[in-house]
N, C-alpha and C. Protein backbone atom coordinates (compact mmCIF):
# COMPACT_ATOMS: atom_id res chain seq x y z
N MET A 1 118.36 -131.79 63.05
CA MET A 1 117.45 -132.90 63.30
C MET A 1 117.50 -133.90 62.16
N GLN A 2 117.65 -133.44 60.92
CA GLN A 2 117.65 -134.38 59.81
C GLN A 2 118.86 -135.29 59.85
N ARG A 3 120.03 -134.75 60.25
CA ARG A 3 121.23 -135.55 60.23
C ARG A 3 121.19 -136.66 61.28
N GLU A 4 120.73 -136.33 62.47
CA GLU A 4 120.73 -137.28 63.57
C GLU A 4 119.39 -137.99 63.76
N GLY A 5 118.32 -137.41 63.24
CA GLY A 5 117.01 -138.04 63.37
C GLY A 5 116.19 -137.48 64.51
N LEU A 6 114.92 -137.83 64.54
CA LEU A 6 113.98 -137.34 65.53
C LEU A 6 114.36 -137.79 66.94
N ALA A 7 114.77 -139.03 67.10
CA ALA A 7 115.13 -139.55 68.43
C ALA A 7 116.27 -138.73 69.04
N ALA A 8 117.28 -138.38 68.25
CA ALA A 8 118.40 -137.57 68.76
C ALA A 8 117.93 -136.18 69.14
N ALA A 9 117.01 -135.60 68.36
CA ALA A 9 116.48 -134.27 68.68
C ALA A 9 115.70 -134.29 69.98
N ILE A 10 114.92 -135.33 70.20
CA ILE A 10 114.16 -135.44 71.44
C ILE A 10 115.11 -135.59 72.63
N ARG A 11 116.17 -136.40 72.49
CA ARG A 11 117.14 -136.55 73.58
C ARG A 11 117.82 -135.23 73.89
N LYS A 12 118.18 -134.47 72.87
CA LYS A 12 118.93 -133.23 73.09
C LYS A 12 118.05 -132.07 73.55
N TYR A 13 116.86 -131.92 72.94
CA TYR A 13 116.04 -130.74 73.20
C TYR A 13 114.79 -131.02 74.01
N GLY A 14 114.53 -132.26 74.38
CA GLY A 14 113.32 -132.57 75.12
C GLY A 14 112.19 -132.92 74.17
N SER A 15 110.98 -132.62 74.57
CA SER A 15 109.80 -132.99 73.79
C SER A 15 109.76 -132.25 72.46
N VAL A 16 109.54 -132.98 71.41
CA VAL A 16 109.35 -132.41 70.08
C VAL A 16 107.96 -132.84 69.63
N GLU A 17 107.06 -131.87 69.51
CA GLU A 17 105.69 -132.20 69.14
C GLU A 17 105.41 -131.70 67.73
N PRO A 18 104.48 -132.36 67.04
CA PRO A 18 104.22 -131.96 65.65
C PRO A 18 103.45 -130.66 65.51
N GLY A 19 102.83 -130.16 66.56
CA GLY A 19 102.03 -128.95 66.45
C GLY A 19 100.64 -129.24 65.92
N ARG A 20 99.94 -128.17 65.58
CA ARG A 20 98.56 -128.32 65.10
C ARG A 20 98.55 -128.87 63.68
N THR A 21 97.49 -129.57 63.37
CA THR A 21 97.32 -130.10 62.01
C THR A 21 95.97 -129.67 61.47
N ALA A 22 95.89 -129.62 60.16
CA ALA A 22 94.64 -129.28 59.48
C ALA A 22 94.47 -130.25 58.33
N SER A 23 93.23 -130.65 58.09
CA SER A 23 92.97 -131.61 57.01
C SER A 23 92.26 -130.98 55.81
N ALA A 24 91.86 -129.72 55.94
CA ALA A 24 91.15 -129.06 54.84
C ALA A 24 91.72 -127.67 54.61
N ILE A 25 91.70 -127.23 53.36
CA ILE A 25 92.19 -125.90 53.02
C ILE A 25 91.33 -124.86 53.74
N GLY A 26 91.99 -123.93 54.42
CA GLY A 26 91.29 -122.88 55.14
C GLY A 26 90.83 -123.25 56.53
N GLN A 27 91.02 -124.49 56.94
CA GLN A 27 90.58 -124.92 58.27
C GLN A 27 91.29 -124.10 59.35
N ILE A 28 92.61 -123.94 59.21
CA ILE A 28 93.39 -123.12 60.14
C ILE A 28 94.37 -122.29 59.32
N VAL A 29 94.37 -120.98 59.55
CA VAL A 29 95.31 -120.08 58.89
C VAL A 29 96.15 -119.43 59.99
N LEU A 30 97.47 -119.54 59.85
CA LEU A 30 98.41 -119.01 60.84
C LEU A 30 98.89 -117.63 60.40
N PHE A 31 98.83 -116.65 61.30
CA PHE A 31 99.28 -115.30 61.03
C PHE A 31 100.53 -115.02 61.86
N ASP A 32 101.51 -114.35 61.26
CA ASP A 32 102.69 -113.93 62.00
C ASP A 32 103.35 -112.79 61.26
N ALA A 33 104.21 -112.05 61.98
CA ALA A 33 104.93 -110.91 61.39
C ALA A 33 106.40 -111.00 61.79
N TRP A 34 107.28 -110.69 60.82
CA TRP A 34 108.72 -110.71 61.06
C TRP A 34 109.35 -109.49 60.42
N ARG A 35 110.47 -109.06 61.01
CA ARG A 35 111.28 -108.05 60.36
C ARG A 35 112.14 -108.78 59.33
N SER A 36 112.13 -108.28 58.10
CA SER A 36 112.86 -108.95 57.03
C SER A 36 114.36 -108.67 57.14
N HIS A 37 115.14 -109.49 56.48
CA HIS A 37 116.59 -109.31 56.45
C HIS A 37 117.03 -108.58 55.19
N MET A 38 116.08 -108.01 54.47
CA MET A 38 116.43 -107.26 53.26
C MET A 38 116.37 -105.77 53.56
N LYS A 39 117.06 -105.00 52.77
CA LYS A 39 117.03 -103.54 52.86
C LYS A 39 116.39 -103.00 51.60
N VAL A 40 115.45 -102.09 51.77
CA VAL A 40 114.78 -101.46 50.64
C VAL A 40 114.80 -99.95 50.83
N LEU A 41 114.67 -99.23 49.74
CA LEU A 41 114.60 -97.77 49.83
C LEU A 41 113.27 -97.36 50.43
N ASP A 42 113.29 -96.34 51.26
CA ASP A 42 112.10 -95.86 51.95
C ASP A 42 111.33 -94.87 51.06
N CYS A 43 110.95 -95.34 49.87
CA CYS A 43 110.15 -94.54 48.94
C CYS A 43 109.60 -95.46 47.87
N THR A 44 108.62 -94.98 47.14
CA THR A 44 108.07 -95.76 46.04
C THR A 44 108.93 -95.57 44.79
N ARG A 45 108.72 -96.42 43.81
CA ARG A 45 109.45 -96.30 42.54
C ARG A 45 109.14 -94.96 41.88
N GLU A 46 107.87 -94.55 41.90
CA GLU A 46 107.48 -93.29 41.28
C GLU A 46 108.17 -92.10 41.97
N GLU A 47 108.21 -92.14 43.32
CA GLU A 47 108.88 -91.07 44.05
C GLU A 47 110.36 -91.02 43.70
N TYR A 48 111.00 -92.19 43.66
CA TYR A 48 112.42 -92.26 43.36
C TYR A 48 112.72 -91.73 41.95
N ASN A 49 111.90 -92.12 40.99
CA ASN A 49 112.12 -91.68 39.61
C ASN A 49 111.93 -90.18 39.43
N SER A 50 111.14 -89.54 40.28
CA SER A 50 110.91 -88.10 40.16
C SER A 50 111.90 -87.27 40.98
N MET A 51 112.80 -87.93 41.72
CA MET A 51 113.77 -87.21 42.56
C MET A 51 115.00 -86.77 41.76
N THR A 52 115.63 -85.73 42.27
CA THR A 52 116.92 -85.32 41.73
C THR A 52 117.99 -86.23 42.32
N GLU A 53 119.20 -86.18 41.76
CA GLU A 53 120.30 -87.00 42.28
C GLU A 53 120.60 -86.67 43.74
N GLU A 54 120.50 -85.40 44.08
CA GLU A 54 120.76 -84.97 45.46
C GLU A 54 119.71 -85.54 46.42
N GLU A 55 118.44 -85.52 46.01
CA GLU A 55 117.37 -86.09 46.85
C GLU A 55 117.53 -87.59 47.00
N ARG A 56 117.97 -88.27 45.93
CA ARG A 56 118.15 -89.73 46.00
C ARG A 56 119.21 -90.12 47.02
N LYS A 57 120.22 -89.30 47.20
CA LYS A 57 121.28 -89.60 48.17
C LYS A 57 120.75 -89.60 49.61
N ASN A 58 119.66 -88.87 49.83
CA ASN A 58 119.11 -88.75 51.19
C ASN A 58 118.04 -89.80 51.52
N VAL A 59 117.70 -90.65 50.56
CA VAL A 59 116.69 -91.68 50.82
C VAL A 59 117.31 -92.77 51.70
N ARG A 60 116.63 -93.08 52.79
CA ARG A 60 117.12 -94.09 53.73
C ARG A 60 116.80 -95.50 53.27
N PHE A 61 117.60 -96.45 53.72
CA PHE A 61 117.31 -97.86 53.55
C PHE A 61 116.62 -98.35 54.83
N ILE A 62 115.58 -99.14 54.68
CA ILE A 62 114.87 -99.69 55.84
C ILE A 62 114.72 -101.20 55.68
N SER A 63 114.47 -101.87 56.79
CA SER A 63 114.13 -103.30 56.77
C SER A 63 112.64 -103.42 57.05
N PRO A 64 111.84 -103.71 56.03
CA PRO A 64 110.38 -103.75 56.24
C PRO A 64 109.95 -104.97 57.07
N TRP A 65 108.77 -104.88 57.63
CA TRP A 65 108.14 -106.00 58.32
C TRP A 65 107.25 -106.72 57.33
N ILE A 66 107.21 -108.04 57.44
CA ILE A 66 106.39 -108.87 56.57
C ILE A 66 105.36 -109.58 57.45
N THR A 67 104.09 -109.36 57.17
CA THR A 67 103.01 -110.08 57.86
C THR A 67 102.48 -111.11 56.88
N THR A 68 102.41 -112.37 57.32
CA THR A 68 101.96 -113.43 56.43
C THR A 68 100.77 -114.19 57.02
N ALA A 69 100.00 -114.77 56.13
CA ALA A 69 98.93 -115.70 56.49
C ALA A 69 99.25 -117.00 55.76
N GLU A 70 99.42 -118.08 56.52
CA GLU A 70 99.79 -119.37 55.94
C GLU A 70 98.70 -120.39 56.21
N ASP A 71 98.22 -121.01 55.13
CA ASP A 71 97.23 -122.08 55.28
C ASP A 71 97.95 -123.31 55.83
N LEU A 72 97.49 -123.81 56.97
CA LEU A 72 98.18 -124.91 57.63
C LEU A 72 98.09 -126.22 56.85
N ALA A 73 96.99 -126.46 56.17
CA ALA A 73 96.82 -127.72 55.44
C ALA A 73 97.76 -127.83 54.25
N THR A 74 97.95 -126.74 53.51
CA THR A 74 98.77 -126.78 52.30
C THR A 74 100.14 -126.14 52.47
N ARG A 75 100.33 -125.40 53.56
CA ARG A 75 101.54 -124.63 53.82
C ARG A 75 101.76 -123.54 52.77
N ALA A 76 100.69 -123.14 52.10
CA ALA A 76 100.76 -122.07 51.10
C ALA A 76 100.58 -120.73 51.78
N ILE A 77 101.33 -119.74 51.32
CA ILE A 77 101.14 -118.37 51.79
C ILE A 77 99.90 -117.83 51.06
N VAL A 78 98.86 -117.52 51.82
CA VAL A 78 97.62 -117.06 51.22
C VAL A 78 97.38 -115.57 51.42
N GLY A 79 98.25 -114.93 52.21
CA GLY A 79 98.16 -113.50 52.42
C GLY A 79 99.51 -112.96 52.83
N VAL A 80 99.82 -111.74 52.41
CA VAL A 80 101.08 -111.12 52.77
C VAL A 80 100.93 -109.61 52.75
N SER A 81 101.66 -108.96 53.63
CA SER A 81 101.64 -107.50 53.67
C SER A 81 103.00 -107.01 54.12
N PHE A 82 103.48 -105.92 53.52
CA PHE A 82 104.75 -105.31 53.90
C PHE A 82 104.47 -103.97 54.55
N SER A 83 105.21 -103.64 55.61
CA SER A 83 105.02 -102.37 56.30
C SER A 83 106.33 -101.93 56.96
N LYS A 84 106.42 -100.63 57.28
CA LYS A 84 107.62 -100.11 57.95
C LYS A 84 107.72 -100.62 59.38
N THR A 85 106.58 -100.73 60.03
CA THR A 85 106.52 -101.23 61.40
C THR A 85 105.34 -102.19 61.50
N PRO A 86 105.38 -103.13 62.43
CA PRO A 86 104.21 -104.01 62.58
C PRO A 86 103.02 -103.20 63.06
N ASN A 87 101.89 -103.33 62.37
CA ASN A 87 100.72 -102.55 62.75
C ASN A 87 99.45 -103.29 62.35
N GLN A 88 98.34 -102.87 62.92
CA GLN A 88 97.07 -103.53 62.70
C GLN A 88 96.59 -103.39 61.25
N GLU A 89 96.85 -102.27 60.62
CA GLU A 89 96.40 -102.08 59.23
C GLU A 89 97.07 -103.07 58.29
N ALA A 90 98.36 -103.32 58.50
CA ALA A 90 99.07 -104.31 57.68
C ALA A 90 98.50 -105.71 57.92
N SER A 91 98.16 -106.01 59.17
CA SER A 91 97.58 -107.31 59.49
C SER A 91 96.21 -107.48 58.83
N LEU A 92 95.41 -106.42 58.83
CA LEU A 92 94.11 -106.49 58.18
C LEU A 92 94.25 -106.62 56.66
N GLU A 93 95.24 -105.95 56.08
CA GLU A 93 95.50 -106.09 54.65
C GLU A 93 95.85 -107.54 54.32
N CYS A 94 96.66 -108.16 55.16
CA CYS A 94 97.03 -109.57 54.98
C CYS A 94 95.80 -110.46 55.11
N LEU A 95 94.95 -110.18 56.07
CA LEU A 95 93.72 -110.94 56.27
C LEU A 95 92.80 -110.84 55.06
N ARG A 96 92.63 -109.65 54.54
CA ARG A 96 91.76 -109.46 53.37
C ARG A 96 92.30 -110.18 52.14
N MET A 97 93.63 -110.27 52.04
CA MET A 97 94.25 -110.86 50.86
C MET A 97 93.94 -112.36 50.73
N ILE A 98 93.64 -113.05 51.82
CA ILE A 98 93.41 -114.49 51.72
C ILE A 98 92.15 -114.81 50.93
N TYR A 99 91.29 -113.82 50.74
CA TYR A 99 90.04 -114.03 50.01
C TYR A 99 90.14 -113.58 48.55
N ARG A 100 91.34 -113.20 48.08
CA ARG A 100 91.49 -112.66 46.73
C ARG A 100 92.56 -113.40 45.93
N ASP A 101 92.43 -113.36 44.62
CA ASP A 101 93.46 -113.84 43.71
C ASP A 101 94.64 -112.86 43.79
N LYS A 102 95.83 -113.39 43.97
CA LYS A 102 97.02 -112.56 44.11
C LYS A 102 97.92 -112.59 42.87
N THR A 103 97.42 -113.12 41.77
CA THR A 103 98.21 -113.25 40.55
C THR A 103 98.70 -111.90 40.04
N TYR A 104 97.94 -110.84 40.26
CA TYR A 104 98.34 -109.52 39.79
C TYR A 104 99.70 -109.11 40.35
N LEU A 105 100.06 -109.60 41.54
CA LEU A 105 101.38 -109.28 42.11
C LEU A 105 102.49 -109.88 41.26
N PHE A 106 102.28 -111.09 40.75
CA PHE A 106 103.26 -111.71 39.85
C PHE A 106 103.38 -110.91 38.56
N ARG A 107 102.25 -110.46 38.02
CA ARG A 107 102.28 -109.69 36.78
C ARG A 107 103.03 -108.38 36.97
N ASP A 108 102.85 -107.76 38.15
CA ASP A 108 103.52 -106.48 38.42
C ASP A 108 105.04 -106.61 38.43
N ILE A 109 105.57 -107.79 38.76
CA ILE A 109 107.02 -107.95 38.79
C ILE A 109 107.54 -108.69 37.56
N GLY A 110 106.67 -108.95 36.58
CA GLY A 110 107.11 -109.51 35.32
C GLY A 110 106.93 -111.00 35.13
N LEU A 111 106.34 -111.71 36.09
CA LEU A 111 106.10 -113.15 35.92
C LEU A 111 104.79 -113.33 35.17
N LYS A 112 104.86 -113.82 33.95
CA LYS A 112 103.67 -113.91 33.10
C LYS A 112 103.05 -115.31 33.08
N ASP A 113 103.83 -116.35 33.34
CA ASP A 113 103.34 -117.72 33.20
C ASP A 113 103.05 -118.41 34.52
N SER A 114 102.95 -117.66 35.61
CA SER A 114 102.67 -118.24 36.92
C SER A 114 101.37 -117.67 37.46
N HIS A 115 100.83 -118.31 38.45
CA HIS A 115 99.64 -117.76 39.10
C HIS A 115 99.76 -117.93 40.61
N TRP A 116 99.00 -117.12 41.34
CA TRP A 116 98.93 -117.19 42.79
C TRP A 116 97.46 -117.04 43.16
N ASN A 117 96.65 -117.91 42.61
CA ASN A 117 95.22 -117.86 42.86
C ASN A 117 94.88 -118.77 44.04
N PHE A 118 95.60 -118.58 45.14
CA PHE A 118 95.35 -119.36 46.35
C PHE A 118 94.37 -118.58 47.22
N VAL A 119 93.11 -118.87 47.04
CA VAL A 119 92.05 -118.21 47.81
C VAL A 119 91.47 -119.26 48.74
N CYS A 120 91.30 -118.92 49.99
CA CYS A 120 90.69 -119.90 50.89
C CYS A 120 89.65 -119.21 51.77
N MET A 121 88.64 -119.97 52.12
CA MET A 121 87.62 -119.49 53.05
C MET A 121 88.05 -119.95 54.44
N MET A 122 88.64 -119.04 55.16
CA MET A 122 89.22 -119.36 56.47
C MET A 122 88.13 -119.72 57.48
N GLN A 123 88.36 -120.81 58.19
CA GLN A 123 87.47 -121.20 59.28
C GLN A 123 88.00 -120.73 60.62
N GLU A 124 89.33 -120.80 60.79
CA GLU A 124 89.94 -120.40 62.06
C GLU A 124 91.28 -119.76 61.78
N GLY A 125 91.57 -118.69 62.48
CA GLY A 125 92.87 -118.04 62.36
C GLY A 125 93.59 -118.11 63.68
N SER A 126 94.90 -118.18 63.62
CA SER A 126 95.71 -118.27 64.83
C SER A 126 96.89 -117.32 64.70
N ASN A 127 97.21 -116.60 65.77
CA ASN A 127 98.37 -115.71 65.75
C ASN A 127 99.04 -115.73 67.12
N ASP A 128 100.15 -115.04 67.24
CA ASP A 128 100.91 -115.04 68.49
C ASP A 128 100.53 -113.89 69.43
N SER A 129 99.41 -113.25 69.17
CA SER A 129 98.89 -112.15 70.00
C SER A 129 99.83 -110.95 70.04
N GLY A 130 100.63 -110.75 68.99
CA GLY A 130 101.50 -109.59 68.95
C GLY A 130 100.69 -108.31 68.79
N SER A 131 101.32 -107.19 69.10
CA SER A 131 100.61 -105.90 69.05
C SER A 131 100.12 -105.58 67.65
N GLU A 132 100.76 -106.15 66.61
CA GLU A 132 100.34 -105.86 65.24
C GLU A 132 98.97 -106.43 64.91
N PHE A 133 98.45 -107.31 65.75
CA PHE A 133 97.15 -107.90 65.47
C PHE A 133 96.02 -107.16 66.18
N GLY A 134 96.31 -106.23 67.06
CA GLY A 134 95.29 -105.38 67.66
C GLY A 134 94.15 -106.13 68.31
N ASP A 135 93.04 -105.44 68.48
CA ASP A 135 91.88 -106.03 69.14
C ASP A 135 90.86 -106.59 68.16
N GLU A 136 90.60 -105.89 67.08
CA GLU A 136 89.57 -106.31 66.13
C GLU A 136 90.16 -106.51 64.76
N PRO A 137 89.87 -107.53 64.04
CA PRO A 137 89.04 -108.66 64.42
C PRO A 137 89.84 -109.81 65.03
N PHE A 138 91.12 -109.58 65.34
CA PHE A 138 91.99 -110.66 65.78
C PHE A 138 91.78 -111.07 67.23
N GLY A 139 91.02 -110.33 67.99
CA GLY A 139 90.66 -110.77 69.33
C GLY A 139 91.56 -110.30 70.45
N GLY A 140 92.53 -109.43 70.18
CA GLY A 140 93.38 -108.90 71.23
C GLY A 140 94.17 -109.97 71.94
N GLY A 141 93.84 -110.25 73.17
CA GLY A 141 94.60 -111.21 73.97
C GLY A 141 94.44 -112.65 73.53
N GLY A 142 93.42 -112.95 72.74
CA GLY A 142 93.22 -114.33 72.32
C GLY A 142 94.04 -114.65 71.09
N ALA A 143 94.64 -115.83 71.07
CA ALA A 143 95.49 -116.21 69.94
C ALA A 143 94.72 -116.93 68.85
N VAL A 144 93.45 -117.26 69.08
CA VAL A 144 92.67 -117.98 68.09
C VAL A 144 91.36 -117.24 67.85
N PHE A 145 90.99 -117.06 66.61
CA PHE A 145 89.68 -116.49 66.29
C PHE A 145 89.06 -117.34 65.20
N GLN A 146 87.75 -117.35 65.16
CA GLN A 146 87.05 -118.18 64.19
C GLN A 146 86.12 -117.33 63.34
N CYS A 147 85.89 -117.81 62.13
CA CYS A 147 84.98 -117.15 61.20
C CYS A 147 83.74 -118.00 61.04
N CYS A 148 82.66 -117.34 60.75
CA CYS A 148 81.43 -118.09 60.51
C CYS A 148 80.77 -117.49 59.28
N LYS A 149 80.61 -118.29 58.25
CA LYS A 149 79.90 -117.83 57.07
C LYS A 149 78.62 -118.65 56.98
N ALA A 150 77.52 -117.99 57.07
CA ALA A 150 76.24 -118.69 57.02
C ALA A 150 75.97 -119.06 55.57
N SER A 151 75.90 -120.33 55.30
CA SER A 151 75.76 -120.78 53.91
C SER A 151 74.33 -120.58 53.44
N GLY A 152 74.13 -119.55 52.64
CA GLY A 152 72.84 -119.32 52.02
C GLY A 152 71.88 -118.50 52.84
N GLU A 153 71.79 -118.72 54.14
CA GLU A 153 70.76 -118.06 54.92
C GLU A 153 71.03 -116.58 55.16
N LEU A 154 72.33 -116.19 55.18
CA LEU A 154 72.66 -114.79 55.33
C LEU A 154 73.43 -114.29 54.11
N SER A 155 73.14 -114.85 52.96
CA SER A 155 73.82 -114.58 51.68
C SER A 155 75.32 -114.71 51.88
N ASP A 156 76.10 -113.76 51.37
CA ASP A 156 77.55 -113.87 51.48
C ASP A 156 78.11 -112.96 52.57
N GLU A 157 77.28 -112.50 53.47
CA GLU A 157 77.77 -111.61 54.51
C GLU A 157 78.32 -112.42 55.68
N TRP A 158 79.29 -111.83 56.35
CA TRP A 158 79.83 -112.47 57.55
C TRP A 158 78.87 -112.21 58.71
N CYS A 159 78.75 -113.18 59.57
CA CYS A 159 77.89 -113.02 60.75
C CYS A 159 78.49 -111.93 61.62
N SER A 160 77.68 -111.14 62.25
CA SER A 160 78.19 -110.16 63.20
C SER A 160 77.82 -110.63 64.60
N ARG A 161 78.49 -110.08 65.60
CA ARG A 161 78.22 -110.52 66.97
C ARG A 161 76.79 -110.23 67.39
N ARG A 162 76.21 -109.20 66.77
CA ARG A 162 74.85 -108.83 67.17
C ARG A 162 73.80 -109.75 66.59
N VAL A 163 74.06 -110.35 65.43
CA VAL A 163 73.05 -111.19 64.79
C VAL A 163 73.63 -112.57 64.47
N GLN A 164 74.15 -113.24 65.47
CA GLN A 164 74.71 -114.57 65.24
C GLN A 164 73.61 -115.60 65.14
N PRO A 165 73.65 -116.43 64.11
CA PRO A 165 72.74 -117.57 64.10
C PRO A 165 73.18 -118.58 65.16
N PRO A 166 72.31 -119.47 65.60
CA PRO A 166 72.64 -120.38 66.69
C PRO A 166 73.88 -121.22 66.47
N TRP A 167 74.18 -121.61 65.20
CA TRP A 167 75.34 -122.47 64.97
C TRP A 167 76.67 -121.72 65.09
N CYS A 168 76.63 -120.39 65.26
CA CYS A 168 77.85 -119.61 65.40
C CYS A 168 78.11 -119.15 66.83
N HIS A 169 77.23 -119.44 67.75
CA HIS A 169 77.41 -118.96 69.11
C HIS A 169 78.68 -119.53 69.71
N GLY A 170 79.35 -118.73 70.50
CA GLY A 170 80.56 -119.16 71.16
C GLY A 170 81.82 -118.97 70.33
N THR A 171 81.72 -118.31 69.15
CA THR A 171 82.89 -118.07 68.34
C THR A 171 83.07 -116.57 68.17
N LEU A 172 84.32 -116.17 67.99
CA LEU A 172 84.62 -114.77 67.68
C LEU A 172 84.48 -114.62 66.18
N LEU A 173 83.61 -113.76 65.74
CA LEU A 173 83.28 -113.67 64.34
C LEU A 173 83.87 -112.43 63.70
N LEU A 174 84.26 -112.56 62.45
CA LEU A 174 84.83 -111.44 61.71
C LEU A 174 83.73 -110.61 61.07
N ASP A 175 83.91 -109.32 61.11
CA ASP A 175 83.02 -108.41 60.41
C ASP A 175 83.89 -107.57 59.49
N LEU A 176 84.18 -108.10 58.29
CA LEU A 176 85.07 -107.40 57.36
C LEU A 176 84.28 -106.41 56.57
């Protein structure tokens, strides 16, 4: 598309639309999972270091799945999780990560002068309804879910479906 331009892409492939847009950090967070193209050993570093040479020969290589949460406004990765297979627990780990400083991950791999303090208060999440997103809190068949944080009136707790304030009615709410 870059070489020929947008007009050529539209002629060749039909309609090309820009997709969803967001104007504020955390307004829309996109979730997805992919099988990576890398191969890693199917064990932890500690397990590998405690193995004999014979045991190390039997360790399999696997291609892990990567679940990501991307803030649409900034295009920053605000959550990530690695797993052997796509599953709901990995998706929930990715969801929880968007509310935390992730700089410790850089420190663990030796990056001392960088930070990953991309924390956002998600208003809406969107996913492709894959099986890895399960029913709760991602909504099962629905590809969009919304969060509601009551500012001050319910302290820092997330609204639950049973005690929704009036301004949250009609939204699927997270109970983390």
